[in-house]
Amino acid sequence: MNELKKIQEQYEYWNDLKDPQPDIAKEQEEARQYLEEKKIPFIPMYTLLDFDDSLNQDEKNTIEEQLLSSGLMLALIIPDIYIKKKS
């Protein structure tokens, strides 16, 4: 019975975990705080990633690594109405 309790506790622990967030630089954190202060909604790119089921884990890892190394993984997506248009 003790083993079952341990397994249940582990399950609850892992089930309650949120997706890991990549480390961000101080400047990126400041940019996010600025957007929050200005009440500009944003969504980090990494929260939108949803890989096709046809990809294996190695392919998913490679894509994630490329997005992270290029800086795109940490990009913030904001609505068009908050982007200044050049005339």
C-alpha atoms as a PDB file:
ATOM      1  CA  MET A   1       0.000   0.000   0.000  1.00  0.00           C
ATOM      2  CA  ASN A   2       2.885   2.357   0.724  1.00  0.00           C
ATOM      3  CA  GLU A   3       4.211   1.901  -2.832  1.00  0.00           C
ATOM      4  CA  LEU A   4       0.820   2.828  -4.296  1.00  0.00           C
ATOM      5  CA  LYS A   5       0.741   5.998  -2.217  1.00  0.00           C
ATOM      6  CA  LYS A   6       4.216   6.971  -3.481  1.00  0.00           C
ATOM      7  CA  ILE A   7       3.138   6.426  -7.069  1.00  0.00           C
ATOM      8  CA  GLN A   8      -0.012   8.487  -6.557  1.00  0.00           C
ATOM      9  CA  GLU A   9       2.007  11.314  -5.007  1.00  0.00           C
ATOM     10  CA  GLN A  10       4.439  11.243  -7.922  1.00  0.00           C
ATOM     11  CA  TYR A  11       1.584  11.291 -10.378  1.00  0.00           C
ATOM     12  CA  GLU A  12      -0.002  14.284  -8.650  1.00  0.00           C
ATOM     13  CA  TYR A  13       3.354  16.093  -8.535  1.00  0.00           C
ATOM     14  CA  TRP A  14       4.020  15.636 -12.256  1.00  0.00           C
ATOM     15  CA  ASN A  15       0.420  16.326 -13.198  1.00  0.00           C
ATOM     16  CA  ASP A  16       0.463  19.638 -11.302  1.00  0.00           C
ATOM     17  CA  LEU A  17       3.685  20.850 -12.920  1.00  0.00           C
ATOM     18  CA  LYS A  18       3.379  23.561 -15.506  1.00  0.00           C
ATOM     19  CA  ASP A  19       5.343  23.431 -18.733  1.00  0.00           C
ATOM     20  CA  PRO A  20       8.921  24.515 -18.145  1.00  0.00           C
ATOM     21  CA  GLN A  21       9.704  28.071 -19.127  1.00  0.00           C
ATOM     22  CA  PRO A  22      12.987  28.961 -20.766  1.00  0.00           C
ATOM     23  CA  ASP A  23      15.339  31.308 -18.932  1.00  0.00           C
ATOM     24  CA  ILE A  24      15.019  34.868 -20.145  1.00  0.00           C
ATOM     25  CA  ALA A  25      17.502  37.748 -20.007  1.00  0.00           C
ATOM     26  CA  LYS A  26      17.011  40.757 -17.757  1.00  0.00           C
ATOM     27  CA  GLU A  27      16.138  42.914 -20.779  1.00  0.00           C
ATOM     28  CA  GLN A  28      13.476  40.444 -21.862  1.00  0.00           C
ATOM     29  CA  GLU A  29      11.962  40.451 -18.392  1.00  0.00           C
ATOM     30  CA  GLU A  30      11.945  44.265 -18.412  1.00  0.00           C
ATOM     31  CA  ALA A  31      10.207  44.256 -21.810  1.00  0.00           C
ATOM     32  CA  ARG A  32       7.531  41.942 -20.451  1.00  0.00           C
ATOM     33  CA  GLN A  33       7.041  44.167 -17.423  1.00  0.00           C
ATOM     34  CA  TYR A  34       6.706  47.193 -19.727  1.00  0.00           C
ATOM     35  CA  LEU A  35       4.031  45.450 -21.785  1.00  0.00           C
ATOM     36  CA  GLU A  36       2.170  44.460 -18.626  1.00  0.00           C
ATOM     37  CA  GLU A  37       2.337  48.036 -17.284  1.00  0.00           C
ATOM     38  CA  LYS A  38       0.966  49.369 -20.583  1.00  0.00           C
ATOM     39  CA  LYS A  39      -1.711  46.655 -20.497  1.00  0.00           C
ATOM     40  CA  ILE A  40      -0.530  45.280 -23.835  1.00  0.00           C
ATOM     41  CA  PRO A  41      -1.438  41.599 -24.054  1.00  0.00           C
ATOM     42  CA  PHE A  42       1.234  39.166 -25.149  1.00  0.00           C
ATOM     43  CA  ILE A  43       1.815  35.461 -25.456  1.00  0.00           C
ATOM     44  CA  PRO A  44       5.298  33.924 -25.418  1.00  0.00           C
ATOM     45  CA  MET A  45       6.010  31.936 -28.576  1.00  0.00           C
ATOM     46  CA  TYR A  46       7.024  28.832 -26.630  1.00  0.00           C
ATOM     47  CA  THR A  47       3.526  28.526 -25.161  1.00  0.00           C
ATOM     48  CA  LEU A  48       2.029  28.305 -28.655  1.00  0.00           C
ATOM     49  CA  LEU A  49       4.176  25.451 -29.913  1.00  0.00           C
ATOM     50  CA  ASP A  50       2.248  22.310 -30.658  1.00  0.00           C
ATOM     51  CA  PHE A  51       4.099  19.809 -32.777  1.00  0.00           C
ATOM     52  CA  ASP A  52       2.467  17.592 -35.345  1.00  0.00           C
ATOM     53  CA  ASP A  53       2.044  14.003 -34.196  1.00  0.00           C
ATOM     54  CA  SER A  54       4.028  12.811 -37.208  1.00  0.00           C
ATOM     55  CA  LEU A  55       7.262  14.195 -35.692  1.00  0.00           C
ATOM     56  CA  ASN A  56       9.322  11.981 -33.417  1.00  0.00           C
ATOM     57  CA  GLN A  57      10.849  13.276 -30.192  1.00  0.00           C
ATOM     58  CA  ASP A  58      14.292  13.849 -31.738  1.00  0.00           C
ATOM     59  CA  GLU A  59      12.756  16.008 -34.472  1.00  0.00           C
ATOM     60  CA  LYS A  60      10.778  17.998 -31.905  1.00  0.00           C
ATOM     61  CA  ASN A  61      13.907  18.518 -29.804  1.00  0.00           C
ATOM     62  CA  THR A  62      15.875  19.701 -32.848  1.00  0.00           C
ATOM     63  CA  ILE A  63      13.183  22.214 -33.786  1.00  0.00           C
ATOM     64  CA  GLU A  64      12.992  23.505 -30.206  1.00  0.00           C
ATOM     65  CA  GLU A  65      16.779  23.874 -30.055  1.00  0.00           C
ATOM     66  CA  GLN A  66      16.802  25.813 -33.337  1.00  0.00           C
ATOM     67  CA  LEU A  67      14.018  28.121 -32.184  1.00  0.00           C
ATOM     68  CA  LEU A  68      15.774  28.713 -28.875  1.00  0.00           C
ATOM     69  CA  SER A  69      19.197  29.387 -30.418  1.00  0.00           C
ATOM     70  CA  SER A  70      17.662  31.790 -32.955  1.00  0.00           C
ATOM     71  CA  GLY A  71      15.810  33.701 -30.243  1.00  0.00           C
ATOM     72  CA  LEU A  72      12.415  32.947 -31.741  1.00  0.00           C
ATOM     73  CA  MET A  73      11.387  30.684 -28.874  1.00  0.00           C
ATOM     74  CA  LEU A  74      11.334  33.683 -26.528  1.00  0.00           C
ATOM     75  CA  ALA A  75       9.578  36.028 -28.975  1.00  0.00           C
ATOM     76  CA  LEU A  76       6.407  37.639 -27.725  1.00  0.00           C
ATOM     77  CA  ILE A  77       3.283  37.593 -29.861  1.00  0.00           C
ATOM     78  CA  ILE A  78       1.119  40.705 -29.501  1.00  0.00           C
ATOM     79  CA  PRO A  79      -2.069  41.777 -31.319  1.00  0.00           C
ATOM     80  CA  ASP A  80      -1.621  43.839 -34.503  1.00  0.00           C
ATOM     81  CA  ILE A  81      -3.416  46.845 -33.037  1.00  0.00           C
ATOM     82  CA  TYR A  82      -0.417  47.463 -30.755  1.00  0.00           C
ATOM     83  CA  ILE A  83       2.103  47.526 -33.602  1.00  0.00           C
ATOM     84  CA  LYS A  84       2.965  50.917 -35.097  1.00  0.00           C
ATOM     85  CA  LYS A  85       2.409  50.883 -38.839  1.00  0.00           C
ATOM     86  CA  LYS A  86       4.839  52.764 -41.067  1.00  0.00           C
ATOM     87  CA  SER A  87       3.139  55.102 -43.508  1.00  0.00           C
END
